[in-house]
Amino acid sequence: MAASKIAITIDDNVLKRLDLLVRSKFFPNRSRAIQEAVSEKLMRLEKSRLAQECAKLNPDFEQALAEEGMSSEIEEWPEY
């Protein structure tokens, strides 16, 4: 995986807490900790967006759409 170096500014209290996690071996280094935090935040935002878009759907319409044409095809299905 390709990686890029960046420079960030971070609050001193947040940095102290981050360094405690690194010293306690929760993360191997600051870079890994920040990378995982950003990745996790991005995933949460993506899931949140998906949930927002799904909430816009009309369940009755989606059900009708899923079942469209099913009644004419049901006779063609083999009996199990």
C-alpha atoms as a PDB file:
ATOM      1  CA  MET A   1       0.000   0.000   0.000  1.00  0.00           C
ATOM      2  CA  ALA A   2       1.348   3.401  -0.949  1.00  0.00           C
ATOM      3  CA  ALA A   3       1.607   5.950   1.836  1.00  0.00           C
ATOM      4  CA  SER A   4       2.112   9.692   1.964  1.00  0.00           C
ATOM      5  CA  LYS A   5       3.692  11.822   4.645  1.00  0.00           C
ATOM      6  CA  ILE A   6       1.685  14.739   6.000  1.00  0.00           C
ATOM      7  CA  ALA A   7       2.125  17.292   8.744  1.00  0.00           C
ATOM      8  CA  ILE A   8      -0.666  17.938  11.246  1.00  0.00           C
ATOM      9  CA  THR A   9      -1.298  20.230  14.167  1.00  0.00           C
ATOM     10  CA  ILE A  10      -2.759  18.507  17.206  1.00  0.00           C
ATOM     11  CA  ASP A  11      -3.919  19.749  20.596  1.00  0.00           C
ATOM     12  CA  ASP A  12      -1.319  19.209  23.339  1.00  0.00           C
ATOM     13  CA  ASN A  13      -3.756  17.286  25.576  1.00  0.00           C
ATOM     14  CA  VAL A  14      -4.741  14.986  22.723  1.00  0.00           C
ATOM     15  CA  LEU A  15      -1.070  14.391  21.940  1.00  0.00           C
ATOM     16  CA  LYS A  16      -0.333  13.498  25.569  1.00  0.00           C
ATOM     17  CA  ARG A  17      -3.165  10.959  25.561  1.00  0.00           C
ATOM     18  CA  LEU A  18      -1.944   9.567  22.250  1.00  0.00           C
ATOM     19  CA  ASP A  19       1.600   9.239  23.580  1.00  0.00           C
ATOM     20  CA  LEU A  20       0.288   7.307  26.595  1.00  0.00           C
ATOM     21  CA  LEU A  21      -1.275   4.790  24.229  1.00  0.00           C
ATOM     22  CA  VAL A  22       1.982   4.477  22.298  1.00  0.00           C
ATOM     23  CA  ARG A  23       4.037   4.058  25.481  1.00  0.00           C
ATOM     24  CA  SER A  24       1.632   1.391  26.717  1.00  0.00           C
ATOM     25  CA  LYS A  25       2.150  -0.441  23.374  1.00  0.00           C
ATOM     26  CA  PHE A  26      -1.514  -0.070  22.372  1.00  0.00           C
ATOM     27  CA  PHE A  27      -0.166   1.410  19.127  1.00  0.00           C
ATOM     28  CA  PRO A  28       3.354   0.896  17.778  1.00  0.00           C
ATOM     29  CA  ASN A  29       3.772   4.616  17.049  1.00  0.00           C
ATOM     30  CA  ARG A  30       1.952   7.921  16.657  1.00  0.00           C
ATOM     31  CA  SER A  31       1.663   7.530  12.924  1.00  0.00           C
ATOM     32  CA  ARG A  32      -0.155   4.192  13.190  1.00  0.00           C
ATOM     33  CA  ALA A  33      -2.492   5.541  15.875  1.00  0.00           C
ATOM     34  CA  ILE A  34      -3.473   8.549  13.792  1.00  0.00           C
ATOM     35  CA  GLN A  35      -3.840   6.442  10.643  1.00  0.00           C
ATOM     36  CA  GLU A  36      -6.210   4.036  12.416  1.00  0.00           C
ATOM     37  CA  ALA A  37      -8.205   6.910  13.933  1.00  0.00           C
ATOM     38  CA  VAL A  38      -8.692   8.582  10.555  1.00  0.00           C
ATOM     39  CA  SER A  39      -9.619   5.283   8.881  1.00  0.00           C
ATOM     40  CA  GLU A  40     -12.158   4.499  11.604  1.00  0.00           C
ATOM     41  CA  LYS A  41     -13.708   7.967  11.335  1.00  0.00           C
ATOM     42  CA  LEU A  42     -14.001   7.658   7.553  1.00  0.00           C
ATOM     43  CA  MET A  43     -15.728   4.277   7.887  1.00  0.00           C
ATOM     44  CA  ARG A  44     -18.175   5.711  10.423  1.00  0.00           C
ATOM     45  CA  LEU A  45     -18.991   8.599   8.108  1.00  0.00           C
ATOM     46  CA  GLU A  46     -19.579   6.219   5.191  1.00  0.00           C
ATOM     47  CA  LYS A  47     -21.882   4.020   7.281  1.00  0.00           C
ATOM     48  CA  SER A  48     -23.712   7.081   8.534  1.00  0.00           C
ATOM     49  CA  ARG A  49     -24.243   8.297   4.981  1.00  0.00           C
ATOM     50  CA  LEU A  50     -25.549   4.894   3.917  1.00  0.00           C
ATOM     51  CA  ALA A  51     -27.977   4.871   6.838  1.00  0.00           C
ATOM     52  CA  GLN A  52     -29.173   8.368   5.931  1.00  0.00           C
ATOM     53  CA  GLU A  53     -29.775   7.356   2.334  1.00  0.00           C
ATOM     54  CA  CYS A  54     -31.585   4.151   3.374  1.00  0.00           C
ATOM     55  CA  ALA A  55     -33.838   6.163   5.677  1.00  0.00           C
ATOM     56  CA  LYS A  56     -35.061   8.051   2.612  1.00  0.00           C
ATOM     57  CA  LEU A  57     -36.434   4.857   1.067  1.00  0.00           C
ATOM     58  CA  ASN A  58     -40.128   4.027   1.201  1.00  0.00           C
ATOM     59  CA  PRO A  59     -40.376   0.445   2.568  1.00  0.00           C
ATOM     60  CA  ASP A  60     -43.763  -0.234   0.918  1.00  0.00           C
ATOM     61  CA  PHE A  61     -42.533   0.929  -2.478  1.00  0.00           C
ATOM     62  CA  GLU A  62     -39.301  -1.079  -2.146  1.00  0.00           C
ATOM     63  CA  GLN A  63     -41.275  -4.214  -1.181  1.00  0.00           C
ATOM     64  CA  ALA A  64     -43.623  -3.776  -4.135  1.00  0.00           C
ATOM     65  CA  LEU A  65     -40.658  -3.259  -6.439  1.00  0.00           C
ATOM     66  CA  ALA A  66     -38.962  -6.414  -5.116  1.00  0.00           C
ATOM     67  CA  GLU A  67     -42.120  -8.454  -5.639  1.00  0.00           C
ATOM     68  CA  GLU A  68     -42.931  -7.011  -9.061  1.00  0.00           C
ATOM     69  CA  GLY A  69     -43.650  -9.813 -11.496  1.00  0.00           C
ATOM     70  CA  MET A  70     -43.386 -12.489  -8.806  1.00  0.00           C
ATOM     71  CA  SER A  71     -47.026 -13.616  -9.072  1.00  0.00           C
ATOM     72  CA  SER A  72     -46.702 -14.518 -12.749  1.00  0.00           C
ATOM     73  CA  GLU A  73     -43.445 -16.396 -12.162  1.00  0.00           C
ATOM     74  CA  ILE A  74     -44.442 -18.355  -9.079  1.00  0.00           C
ATOM     75  CA  GLU A  75     -46.201 -21.038 -11.134  1.00  0.00           C
ATOM     76  CA  GLU A  76     -42.947 -21.659 -13.021  1.00  0.00           C
ATOM     77  CA  TRP A  77     -40.918 -22.373  -9.894  1.00  0.00           C
ATOM     78  CA  PRO A  78     -40.322 -26.045  -9.036  1.00  0.00           C
ATOM     79  CA  GLU A  79     -41.970 -27.350  -5.910  1.00  0.00           C
ATOM     80  CA  TYR A  80     -39.526 -28.308  -3.158  1.00  0.00           C
END
